[in-house]
Amino acid sequence: MTNQTTLRVLSGLVLLGGVAACNADDITKVNNNPNSPTNAPAGAVFTNAVISGVGRFLGWAYNGRGAALVVQHLAQTQYPDEDQYKRIDASSTSGYFNNPYTGELEDLQKVIDAGTTDKRPAIYGPALAFQQLIFEYITDTFGDIPYSEALKGDAADGALLPKYDPQKDVYNGMMTALLRSQRKIP
């Protein structure tokens, strides 16, 4: 009986000594990858967002087929699936609705935040203008979209399911954002 008690006491002391010897700062440093930075230069993020946005909304897929077929400006005779709304489903349209929010709009918001924090209008101005252009393409295509609560999911009080704003409010919000940024520029 005394051997078991002695063994338990020694095991407890070894465990207690091991916990006391650990430094929490050193343990968490193991998870930091020095080759994977958490911040990127605003210029590189802006360039990536512009390339993605221009490729998505100014290419043939959107201008030539995507939006024009949705609103029936064009018709097709050889492949009439789009005219009959057979290929206008979530998998076909998510590239123009969901993906900009998690792609270029989010990147542009990070550039706007960095430029505003550093008080550099040459950084946040073009990003804000291009971000509003992307919102304009999305609302022109889909009507009511998340705008006023969009891109705030990372904030402490941000909405993970933002409300859909009426299209007229989106247009007013875009103009307000652009005019407000113009007043900030010295």
N, C-alpha and C. Protein backbone atom coordinates (compact mmCIF):
# COMPACT_ATOMS: atom_id res chain seq x y z
N MET A 1 0.81 -1.18 0.00
CA MET A 1 0.00 0.00 0.00
C MET A 1 0.86 1.26 0.00
N THR A 2 1.93 1.22 0.74
CA THR A 2 2.80 2.40 0.79
C THR A 2 3.52 2.60 -0.53
N ASN A 3 3.80 1.51 -1.26
CA ASN A 3 4.45 1.65 -2.56
C ASN A 3 3.52 2.37 -3.55
N GLN A 4 2.25 2.04 -3.52
CA GLN A 4 1.30 2.71 -4.43
C GLN A 4 1.16 4.18 -4.06
N THR A 5 1.09 4.49 -2.82
CA THR A 5 0.97 5.88 -2.38
C THR A 5 2.22 6.65 -2.76
N THR A 6 3.38 6.05 -2.53
CA THR A 6 4.63 6.70 -2.88
C THR A 6 4.71 6.92 -4.39
N LEU A 7 4.30 5.94 -5.17
CA LEU A 7 4.31 6.06 -6.63
C LEU A 7 3.36 7.17 -7.09
N ARG A 8 2.20 7.28 -6.50
CA ARG A 8 1.24 8.32 -6.87
C ARG A 8 1.77 9.71 -6.50
N VAL A 9 2.35 9.83 -5.35
CA VAL A 9 2.90 11.13 -4.92
C VAL A 9 4.04 11.54 -5.85
N LEU A 10 4.93 10.60 -6.17
CA LEU A 10 6.05 10.92 -7.07
C LEU A 10 5.55 11.26 -8.47
N SER A 11 4.56 10.53 -8.95
CA SER A 11 3.99 10.83 -10.27
C SER A 11 3.36 12.22 -10.28
N GLY A 12 2.64 12.55 -9.22
CA GLY A 12 2.03 13.88 -9.11
C GLY A 12 3.07 14.98 -9.06
N LEU A 13 4.17 14.75 -8.33
CA LEU A 13 5.24 15.74 -8.25
C LEU A 13 5.94 15.92 -9.60
N VAL A 14 6.15 14.84 -10.32
CA VAL A 14 6.78 14.93 -11.65
C VAL A 14 5.87 15.68 -12.61
N LEU A 15 4.58 15.36 -12.57
CA LEU A 15 3.62 16.05 -13.42
C LEU A 15 3.53 17.53 -13.07
N LEU A 16 3.48 17.86 -11.79
CA LEU A 16 3.44 19.24 -11.34
C LEU A 16 4.71 19.98 -11.74
N GLY A 17 5.85 19.32 -11.61
CA GLY A 17 7.12 19.93 -12.02
C GLY A 17 7.18 20.17 -13.51
N GLY A 18 6.63 19.25 -14.28
CA GLY A 18 6.61 19.42 -15.74
C GLY A 18 5.72 20.58 -16.16
N VAL A 19 4.58 20.72 -15.52
CA VAL A 19 3.67 21.82 -15.85
C VAL A 19 4.30 23.15 -15.43
N ALA A 20 4.92 23.19 -14.28
CA ALA A 20 5.54 24.43 -13.81
C ALA A 20 6.74 24.81 -14.66
N ALA A 21 7.42 23.84 -15.24
CA ALA A 21 8.61 24.14 -16.03
C ALA A 21 8.27 24.65 -17.42
N CYS A 22 7.04 24.44 -17.88
CA CYS A 22 6.66 24.88 -19.23
C CYS A 22 6.46 26.38 -19.27
N ASN A 23 6.96 26.98 -20.31
CA ASN A 23 6.76 28.40 -20.56
C ASN A 23 5.72 28.51 -21.67
N ALA A 24 4.58 29.11 -21.39
CA ALA A 24 3.49 29.19 -22.36
C ALA A 24 3.89 29.96 -23.61
N ASP A 25 4.76 30.96 -23.47
CA ASP A 25 5.19 31.74 -24.64
C ASP A 25 6.00 30.89 -25.60
N ASP A 26 6.85 30.04 -25.06
CA ASP A 26 7.66 29.18 -25.93
C ASP A 26 6.81 28.13 -26.64
N ILE A 27 5.78 27.64 -25.97
CA ILE A 27 4.94 26.62 -26.58
C ILE A 27 4.18 27.19 -27.77
N THR A 28 3.65 28.39 -27.64
CA THR A 28 2.87 28.97 -28.73
C THR A 28 3.74 29.45 -29.88
N LYS A 29 5.01 29.70 -29.66
CA LYS A 29 5.90 30.12 -30.74
C LYS A 29 6.13 29.00 -31.76
N VAL A 30 5.88 27.78 -31.36
CA VAL A 30 6.05 26.65 -32.26
C VAL A 30 5.07 26.76 -33.43
N ASN A 31 3.90 27.35 -33.19
CA ASN A 31 2.88 27.46 -34.22
C ASN A 31 3.12 28.60 -35.21
N ASN A 32 4.09 29.46 -34.96
CA ASN A 32 4.37 30.58 -35.86
C ASN A 32 5.30 30.12 -36.97
N ASN A 33 4.86 30.31 -38.19
CA ASN A 33 5.66 29.95 -39.35
C ASN A 33 6.35 31.21 -39.87
N PRO A 34 7.68 31.29 -39.79
CA PRO A 34 8.36 32.50 -40.26
C PRO A 34 8.30 32.66 -41.78
N ASN A 35 7.95 31.61 -42.49
CA ASN A 35 7.86 31.68 -43.95
C ASN A 35 6.46 31.99 -44.44
N SER A 36 5.52 32.20 -43.54
CA SER A 36 4.14 32.51 -43.90
C SER A 36 3.71 33.77 -43.15
N PRO A 37 3.94 34.94 -43.74
CA PRO A 37 3.61 36.17 -43.02
C PRO A 37 2.10 36.36 -42.86
N THR A 38 1.71 37.06 -41.82
CA THR A 38 0.30 37.32 -41.58
C THR A 38 -0.16 38.61 -42.25
N ASN A 39 0.74 39.47 -42.61
CA ASN A 39 0.41 40.72 -43.30
C ASN A 39 1.12 40.75 -44.64
N ALA A 40 0.48 41.39 -45.59
CA ALA A 40 1.08 41.54 -46.92
C ALA A 40 1.09 43.02 -47.27
N PRO A 41 2.02 43.44 -48.11
CA PRO A 41 2.04 44.85 -48.50
C PRO A 41 0.75 45.22 -49.24
N ALA A 42 0.25 46.42 -48.97
CA ALA A 42 -1.02 46.85 -49.56
C ALA A 42 -0.96 46.85 -51.08
N GLY A 43 0.18 47.19 -51.65
CA GLY A 43 0.30 47.22 -53.11
C GLY A 43 0.12 45.85 -53.74
N ALA A 44 0.68 44.85 -53.12
CA ALA A 44 0.55 43.49 -53.65
C ALA A 44 -0.88 42.97 -53.51
N VAL A 45 -1.52 43.28 -52.39
CA VAL A 45 -2.90 42.85 -52.17
C VAL A 45 -3.82 43.55 -53.16
N PHE A 46 -3.58 44.86 -53.38
CA PHE A 46 -4.39 45.62 -54.34
C PHE A 46 -4.23 45.05 -55.75
N THR A 47 -3.00 44.77 -56.14
CA THR A 47 -2.76 44.22 -57.48
C THR A 47 -3.47 42.89 -57.66
N ASN A 48 -3.40 42.03 -56.67
CA ASN A 48 -4.08 40.74 -56.75
C ASN A 48 -5.59 40.92 -56.85
N ALA A 49 -6.16 41.85 -56.08
CA ALA A 49 -7.60 42.09 -56.12
C ALA A 49 -8.04 42.65 -57.47
N VAL A 50 -7.24 43.53 -58.05
CA VAL A 50 -7.59 44.11 -59.35
C VAL A 50 -7.52 43.05 -60.44
N ILE A 51 -6.49 42.24 -60.42
CA ILE A 51 -6.37 41.18 -61.42
C ILE A 51 -7.57 40.23 -61.31
N SER A 52 -7.94 39.87 -60.10
CA SER A 52 -9.07 38.97 -59.90
C SER A 52 -10.38 39.61 -60.33
N GLY A 53 -10.60 40.87 -59.93
CA GLY A 53 -11.84 41.55 -60.27
C GLY A 53 -11.99 41.83 -61.75
N VAL A 54 -10.91 42.26 -62.39
CA VAL A 54 -10.95 42.52 -63.83
C VAL A 54 -11.19 41.22 -64.58
N GLY A 55 -10.51 40.16 -64.16
CA GLY A 55 -10.71 38.87 -64.81
C GLY A 55 -12.12 38.36 -64.65
N ARG A 56 -12.74 38.62 -63.50
CA ARG A 56 -14.08 38.13 -63.23
C ARG A 56 -15.15 38.95 -63.95
N PHE A 57 -15.06 40.28 -63.90
CA PHE A 57 -16.16 41.11 -64.38
C PHE A 57 -15.93 41.81 -65.71
N LEU A 58 -14.72 41.85 -66.19
CA LEU A 58 -14.48 42.52 -67.47
C LEU A 58 -14.05 41.56 -68.56
N GLY A 59 -14.12 40.29 -68.28
CA GLY A 59 -13.78 39.29 -69.28
C GLY A 59 -15.00 38.85 -70.07
N TRP A 60 -14.79 38.01 -71.04
CA TRP A 60 -15.86 37.55 -71.91
C TRP A 60 -16.92 36.75 -71.16
N ALA A 61 -16.52 36.00 -70.16
CA ALA A 61 -17.47 35.14 -69.46
C ALA A 61 -18.59 35.95 -68.82
N TYR A 62 -18.28 37.08 -68.22
CA TYR A 62 -19.31 37.88 -67.57
C TYR A 62 -19.99 38.82 -68.57
N ASN A 63 -19.23 39.64 -69.23
CA ASN A 63 -19.81 40.63 -70.14
C ASN A 63 -20.45 40.00 -71.36
N GLY A 64 -19.83 38.98 -71.89
CA GLY A 64 -20.35 38.39 -73.11
C GLY A 64 -21.46 37.40 -72.91
N ARG A 65 -21.43 36.68 -71.78
CA ARG A 65 -22.42 35.63 -71.59
C ARG A 65 -23.14 35.72 -70.26
N GLY A 66 -22.39 35.87 -69.19
CA GLY A 66 -22.99 35.75 -67.86
C GLY A 66 -24.16 36.67 -67.62
N ALA A 67 -23.92 37.96 -67.55
CA ALA A 67 -24.98 38.90 -67.22
C ALA A 67 -25.94 39.11 -68.38
N ALA A 68 -25.43 39.13 -69.58
CA ALA A 68 -26.29 39.39 -70.74
C ALA A 68 -27.34 38.29 -70.92
N LEU A 69 -26.99 37.07 -70.63
CA LEU A 69 -27.95 35.99 -70.75
C LEU A 69 -28.92 35.96 -69.58
N VAL A 70 -28.44 36.35 -68.40
CA VAL A 70 -29.33 36.37 -67.23
C VAL A 70 -30.45 37.37 -67.44
N VAL A 71 -30.12 38.55 -67.94
CA VAL A 71 -31.14 39.59 -68.12
C VAL A 71 -31.77 39.54 -69.50
N GLN A 72 -31.45 38.52 -70.27
CA GLN A 72 -32.04 38.27 -71.58
C GLN A 72 -31.71 39.35 -72.62
N HIS A 73 -30.53 39.94 -72.53
CA HIS A 73 -30.08 40.85 -73.58
C HIS A 73 -29.60 40.08 -74.80
N LEU A 74 -29.13 38.87 -74.56
CA LEU A 74 -28.68 38.01 -75.64
C LEU A 74 -29.52 36.74 -75.64
N ALA A 75 -29.53 36.07 -76.76
CA ALA A 75 -30.17 34.77 -76.87
C ALA A 75 -29.23 33.84 -77.63
N GLN A 76 -29.33 32.57 -77.37
CA GLN A 76 -28.47 31.60 -78.04
C GLN A 76 -29.34 30.60 -78.79
N THR A 77 -28.84 30.21 -79.93
CA THR A 77 -29.58 29.22 -80.71
C THR A 77 -28.96 27.84 -80.62
N GLN A 78 -27.64 27.78 -80.55
CA GLN A 78 -26.99 26.48 -80.53
C GLN A 78 -27.05 25.82 -79.15
N TYR A 79 -26.79 26.61 -78.09
CA TYR A 79 -26.82 26.09 -76.72
C TYR A 79 -27.80 26.94 -75.91
N PRO A 80 -29.09 26.66 -75.99
CA PRO A 80 -30.09 27.53 -75.36
C PRO A 80 -30.31 27.28 -73.86
N ASP A 81 -29.41 26.58 -73.20
CA ASP A 81 -29.63 26.28 -71.78
C ASP A 81 -29.73 27.55 -70.94
N GLU A 82 -28.87 28.55 -71.22
CA GLU A 82 -28.93 29.79 -70.45
C GLU A 82 -30.22 30.54 -70.71
N ASP A 83 -30.69 30.54 -71.96
CA ASP A 83 -31.94 31.22 -72.28
C ASP A 83 -33.12 30.61 -71.55
N GLN A 84 -33.06 29.34 -71.29
CA GLN A 84 -34.14 28.64 -70.60
C GLN A 84 -33.88 28.56 -69.10
N TYR A 85 -32.86 29.24 -68.63
CA TYR A 85 -32.48 29.28 -67.21
C TYR A 85 -32.16 27.89 -66.65
N LYS A 86 -31.69 27.00 -67.49
CA LYS A 86 -31.33 25.67 -67.02
C LYS A 86 -29.96 25.65 -66.35
N ARG A 87 -29.09 26.57 -66.77
CA ARG A 87 -27.74 26.60 -66.17
C ARG A 87 -27.56 27.79 -65.26
N ILE A 88 -28.63 28.44 -64.89
CA ILE A 88 -28.55 29.56 -63.96
C ILE A 88 -28.89 29.02 -62.57
N ASP A 89 -27.95 28.33 -61.99
CA ASP A 89 -28.14 27.79 -60.65
C ASP A 89 -26.98 28.25 -59.79
N ALA A 90 -26.96 27.80 -58.55
CA ALA A 90 -25.95 28.28 -57.60
C ALA A 90 -24.54 27.98 -58.07
N SER A 91 -24.31 26.83 -58.64
CA SER A 91 -22.95 26.49 -59.08
C SER A 91 -22.51 27.34 -60.26
N SER A 92 -23.45 27.82 -61.07
CA SER A 92 -23.10 28.64 -62.23
C SER A 92 -22.93 30.11 -61.87
N THR A 93 -23.64 30.58 -60.87
CA THR A 93 -23.62 32.00 -60.55
C THR A 93 -22.78 32.36 -59.33
N SER A 94 -22.31 31.39 -58.57
CA SER A 94 -21.55 31.72 -57.36
C SER A 94 -20.25 32.43 -57.67
N GLY A 95 -19.71 32.21 -58.83
CA GLY A 95 -18.48 32.90 -59.22
C GLY A 95 -18.66 34.39 -59.34
N TYR A 96 -19.89 34.83 -59.58
CA TYR A 96 -20.16 36.25 -59.71
C TYR A 96 -20.82 36.84 -58.47
N PHE A 97 -21.31 36.00 -57.56
CA PHE A 97 -21.96 36.52 -56.36
C PHE A 97 -21.15 36.21 -55.10
N ASN A 98 -20.90 34.97 -54.79
CA ASN A 98 -20.22 34.61 -53.54
C ASN A 98 -18.72 34.91 -53.58
N ASN A 99 -18.07 34.51 -54.65
CA ASN A 99 -16.62 34.59 -54.71
C ASN A 99 -16.04 36.00 -54.62
N PRO A 100 -16.67 37.03 -55.17
CA PRO A 100 -16.09 38.37 -54.99
C PRO A 100 -16.04 38.82 -53.54
N TYR A 101 -16.99 38.39 -52.72
CA TYR A 101 -16.98 38.79 -51.31
C TYR A 101 -15.79 38.19 -50.57
N THR A 102 -15.49 36.95 -50.84
CA THR A 102 -14.37 36.31 -50.15
C THR A 102 -13.05 36.53 -50.87
N GLY A 103 -13.09 37.08 -52.05
CA GLY A 103 -11.88 37.32 -52.83
C GLY A 103 -11.51 38.78 -52.87
N GLU A 104 -11.79 39.42 -54.01
CA GLU A 104 -11.30 40.77 -54.23
C GLU A 104 -11.93 41.82 -53.32
N LEU A 105 -13.19 41.68 -52.95
CA LEU A 105 -13.79 42.68 -52.06
C LEU A 105 -13.14 42.66 -50.68
N GLU A 106 -12.86 41.47 -50.18
CA GLU A 106 -12.18 41.36 -48.88
C GLU A 106 -10.76 41.91 -48.97
N ASP A 107 -10.04 41.60 -50.04
CA ASP A 107 -8.68 42.13 -50.21
C ASP A 107 -8.70 43.65 -50.31
N LEU A 108 -9.64 44.19 -51.07
CA LEU A 108 -9.72 45.65 -51.21
C LEU A 108 -10.07 46.30 -49.88
N GLN A 109 -10.90 45.66 -49.07
CA GLN A 109 -11.22 46.22 -47.76
C GLN A 109 -9.99 46.26 -46.88
N LYS A 110 -9.14 45.25 -46.96
CA LYS A 110 -7.90 45.26 -46.17
C LYS A 110 -6.97 46.37 -46.63
N VAL A 111 -6.93 46.64 -47.93
CA VAL A 111 -6.11 47.74 -48.45
C VAL A 111 -6.68 49.07 -47.98
N ILE A 112 -8.01 49.21 -48.02
CA ILE A 112 -8.65 50.45 -47.56
C ILE A 112 -8.36 50.68 -46.08
N ASP A 113 -8.47 49.63 -45.28
CA ASP A 113 -8.21 49.76 -43.85
C ASP A 113 -6.75 50.15 -43.59
N ALA A 114 -5.82 49.53 -44.30
CA ALA A 114 -4.40 49.84 -44.12
C ALA A 114 -4.10 51.27 -44.56
N GLY A 115 -4.65 51.69 -45.69
CA GLY A 115 -4.41 53.05 -46.18
C GLY A 115 -5.04 54.10 -45.30
N THR A 116 -6.22 53.81 -44.75
CA THR A 116 -6.88 54.75 -43.87
C THR A 116 -6.12 54.88 -42.55
N THR A 117 -5.66 53.76 -42.02
CA THR A 117 -4.89 53.78 -40.78
C THR A 117 -3.61 54.59 -40.94
N ASP A 118 -2.93 54.41 -42.08
CA ASP A 118 -1.68 55.13 -42.34
C ASP A 118 -1.90 56.53 -42.90
N LYS A 119 -3.16 56.92 -43.09
CA LYS A 119 -3.53 58.22 -43.67
C LYS A 119 -2.84 58.43 -45.02
N ARG A 120 -3.01 57.41 -45.88
CA ARG A 120 -2.41 57.46 -47.22
C ARG A 120 -3.52 57.33 -48.26
N PRO A 121 -4.05 58.47 -48.74
CA PRO A 121 -5.14 58.43 -49.71
C PRO A 121 -4.75 57.78 -51.03
N ALA A 122 -3.49 57.79 -51.37
CA ALA A 122 -3.06 57.14 -52.61
C ALA A 122 -3.16 55.63 -52.50
N ILE A 123 -3.27 55.11 -51.29
CA ILE A 123 -3.45 53.68 -51.08
C ILE A 123 -4.93 53.34 -51.02
N TYR A 124 -5.69 54.04 -50.17
CA TYR A 124 -7.08 53.64 -49.98
C TYR A 124 -8.01 54.17 -51.07
N GLY A 125 -7.67 55.25 -51.74
CA GLY A 125 -8.54 55.83 -52.76
C GLY A 125 -8.82 54.91 -53.93
N PRO A 126 -7.78 54.43 -54.62
CA PRO A 126 -8.04 53.51 -55.74
C PRO A 126 -8.71 52.21 -55.30
N ALA A 127 -8.35 51.72 -54.11
CA ALA A 127 -8.98 50.49 -53.62
C ALA A 127 -10.46 50.70 -53.35
N LEU A 128 -10.82 51.85 -52.79
CA LEU A 128 -12.22 52.15 -52.53
C LEU A 128 -13.00 52.29 -53.83
N ALA A 129 -12.42 52.98 -54.80
CA ALA A 129 -13.09 53.16 -56.09
C ALA A 129 -13.32 51.82 -56.78
N PHE A 130 -12.31 50.97 -56.78
CA PHE A 130 -12.46 49.67 -57.43
C PHE A 130 -13.42 48.78 -56.66
N GLN A 131 -13.42 48.88 -55.34
CA GLN A 131 -14.36 48.09 -54.54
C GLN A 131 -15.80 48.49 -54.87
N GLN A 132 -16.06 49.77 -55.01
CA GLN A 132 -17.41 50.21 -55.35
C GLN A 132 -17.79 49.76 -56.75
N LEU A 133 -16.83 49.70 -57.66
CA LEU A 133 -17.11 49.19 -59.00
C LEU A 133 -17.53 47.72 -58.96
N ILE A 134 -16.87 46.93 -58.14
CA ILE A 134 -17.23 45.52 -58.00
C ILE A 134 -18.63 45.40 -57.41
N PHE A 135 -18.93 46.19 -56.36
CA PHE A 135 -20.28 46.18 -55.80
C PHE A 135 -21.31 46.57 -56.86
N GLU A 136 -20.95 47.52 -57.73
CA GLU A 136 -21.87 47.95 -58.78
C GLU A 136 -22.16 46.81 -59.76
N TYR A 137 -21.14 46.07 -60.14
CA TYR A 137 -21.36 44.92 -61.03
C TYR A 137 -22.27 43.88 -60.36
N ILE A 138 -22.04 43.63 -59.08
CA ILE A 138 -22.82 42.61 -58.39
C ILE A 138 -24.28 43.04 -58.26
N THR A 139 -24.52 44.29 -57.87
CA THR A 139 -25.90 44.74 -57.71
C THR A 139 -26.60 44.91 -59.05
N ASP A 140 -25.87 45.28 -60.10
CA ASP A 140 -26.49 45.36 -61.42
C ASP A 140 -26.96 43.98 -61.88
N THR A 141 -26.22 42.96 -61.51
CA THR A 141 -26.57 41.61 -61.94
C THR A 141 -27.65 40.98 -61.07
N PHE A 142 -27.54 41.13 -59.75
CA PHE A 142 -28.39 40.37 -58.84
C PHE A 142 -29.43 41.21 -58.10
N GLY A 143 -29.37 42.52 -58.19
CA GLY A 143 -30.34 43.36 -57.48
C GLY A 143 -29.91 43.61 -56.05
N ASP A 144 -30.73 43.20 -55.09
CA ASP A 144 -30.44 43.39 -53.67
C ASP A 144 -29.26 42.50 -53.27
N ILE A 145 -28.28 43.11 -52.62
CA ILE A 145 -27.06 42.38 -52.22
C ILE A 145 -26.65 42.80 -50.82
N PRO A 146 -25.81 42.01 -50.14
CA PRO A 146 -25.22 42.48 -48.88
C PRO A 146 -24.25 43.62 -49.17
N TYR A 147 -24.47 44.77 -48.55
CA TYR A 147 -23.58 45.91 -48.76
C TYR A 147 -23.21 46.58 -47.44
N SER A 148 -24.20 47.08 -46.71
CA SER A 148 -23.90 47.86 -45.50
C SER A 148 -23.26 47.00 -44.41
N GLU A 149 -23.61 45.73 -44.33
CA GLU A 149 -23.03 44.84 -43.32
C GLU A 149 -22.00 43.88 -43.91
N ALA A 150 -21.74 44.02 -45.18
CA ALA A 150 -20.80 43.10 -45.85
C ALA A 150 -19.37 43.39 -45.43
N LEU A 151 -18.53 42.39 -45.50
CA LEU A 151 -17.08 42.48 -45.25
C LEU A 151 -16.75 42.85 -43.80
N LYS A 152 -17.66 42.58 -42.89
CA LYS A 152 -17.41 42.88 -41.47
C LYS A 152 -17.43 41.63 -40.62
N GLY A 153 -17.28 40.47 -41.22
CA GLY A 153 -17.34 39.22 -40.48
C GLY A 153 -16.17 39.02 -39.52
N ASP A 154 -15.02 39.66 -39.79
CA ASP A 154 -13.86 39.54 -38.92
C ASP A 154 -13.95 40.45 -37.71
N ALA A 155 -14.80 41.46 -37.76
CA ALA A 155 -14.91 42.41 -36.65
C ALA A 155 -15.63 41.76 -35.47
N ALA A 156 -15.41 42.32 -34.30
CA ALA A 156 -16.02 41.76 -33.09
C ALA A 156 -17.53 41.83 -33.16
N ASP A 157 -18.08 42.90 -33.72
CA ASP A 157 -19.53 43.04 -33.81
C ASP A 157 -20.03 42.77 -35.23
N GLY A 158 -19.21 42.14 -36.05
CA GLY A 158 -19.56 41.90 -37.45
C GLY A 158 -20.61 40.82 -37.61
N ALA A 159 -21.31 40.91 -38.73
CA ALA A 159 -22.37 39.95 -39.03
C ALA A 159 -21.84 38.87 -39.97
N LEU A 160 -22.00 37.63 -39.58
CA LEU A 160 -21.59 36.53 -40.45
C LEU A 160 -22.62 36.27 -41.53
N LEU A 161 -23.85 36.69 -41.29
CA LEU A 161 -24.92 36.60 -42.28
C LEU A 161 -25.46 38.02 -42.50
N PRO A 162 -24.78 38.83 -43.32
CA PRO A 162 -25.19 40.22 -43.48
C PRO A 162 -26.53 40.33 -44.18
N LYS A 163 -27.24 41.40 -43.87
CA LYS A 163 -28.56 41.62 -44.47
C LYS A 163 -28.39 42.05 -45.93
N TYR A 164 -29.42 41.80 -46.70
CA TYR A 164 -29.44 42.23 -48.09
C TYR A 164 -30.02 43.64 -48.14
N ASP A 165 -29.27 44.56 -48.72
CA ASP A 165 -29.73 45.93 -48.86
C ASP A 165 -30.46 46.09 -50.19
N PRO A 166 -31.51 46.91 -50.21
CA PRO A 166 -32.17 47.18 -51.49
C PRO A 166 -31.20 47.83 -52.47
N GLN A 167 -31.41 47.60 -53.74
CA GLN A 167 -30.47 48.07 -54.75
C GLN A 167 -30.30 49.59 -54.70
N LYS A 168 -31.36 50.33 -54.45
CA LYS A 168 -31.24 51.80 -54.40
C LYS A 168 -30.36 52.21 -53.22
N ASP A 169 -30.42 51.48 -52.10
CA ASP A 169 -29.56 51.79 -50.95
C ASP A 169 -28.11 51.45 -51.25
N VAL A 170 -27.88 50.42 -52.05
CA VAL A 170 -26.51 50.07 -52.44
C VAL A 170 -25.92 51.20 -53.29
N TYR A 171 -26.69 51.69 -54.26
CA TYR A 171 -26.20 52.79 -55.10
C TYR A 171 -25.93 54.05 -54.26
N ASN A 172 -26.85 54.36 -53.34
CA ASN A 172 -26.63 55.52 -52.47
C ASN A 172 -25.39 55.32 -51.58
N GLY A 173 -25.22 54.11 -51.08
CA GLY A 173 -24.05 53.82 -50.25
C GLY A 173 -22.75 53.92 -51.02
N MET A 174 -22.78 53.48 -52.28
CA MET A 174 -21.56 53.58 -53.10
C MET A 174 -21.20 55.04 -53.33
N MET A 175 -22.18 55.86 -53.67
CA MET A 175 -21.91 57.28 -53.91
C MET A 175 -21.45 57.97 -52.63
N THR A 176 -22.07 57.64 -51.51
CA THR A 176 -21.68 58.22 -50.23
C THR A 176 -20.24 57.86 -49.88
N ALA A 177 -19.89 56.59 -50.09
CA ALA A 177 -18.51 56.15 -49.78
C ALA A 177 -17.50 56.87 -50.65
N LEU A 178 -17.80 57.04 -51.93
CA LEU A 178 -16.88 57.73 -52.82
C LEU A 178 -16.77 59.21 -52.49
N LEU A 179 -17.88 59.85 -52.19
CA LEU A 179 -17.83 61.28 -51.84
C LEU A 179 -17.15 61.51 -50.50
N ARG A 180 -17.37 60.60 -49.53
CA ARG A 180 -16.72 60.73 -48.23
C ARG A 180 -15.21 60.59 -48.37
N SER A 181 -14.77 59.67 -49.23
CA SER A 181 -13.33 59.49 -49.40
C SER A 181 -12.72 60.69 -50.10
N GLN A 182 -13.47 61.36 -50.95
CA GLN A 182 -12.95 62.53 -51.65
C GLN A 182 -12.70 63.66 -50.66
N ARG A 183 -13.54 63.78 -49.64
CA ARG A 183 -13.36 64.83 -48.64
C ARG A 183 -12.16 64.56 -47.75
N LYS A 184 -11.77 63.30 -47.60
CA LYS A 184 -10.62 62.98 -46.75
C LYS A 184 -9.29 63.33 -47.41
N ILE A 185 -9.29 63.36 -48.73
CA ILE A 185 -8.04 63.62 -49.45
C ILE A 185 -7.68 65.09 -49.30
N PRO A 186 -6.45 65.40 -48.85
CA PRO A 186 -6.06 66.81 -48.67
C PRO A 186 -5.88 67.53 -49.99
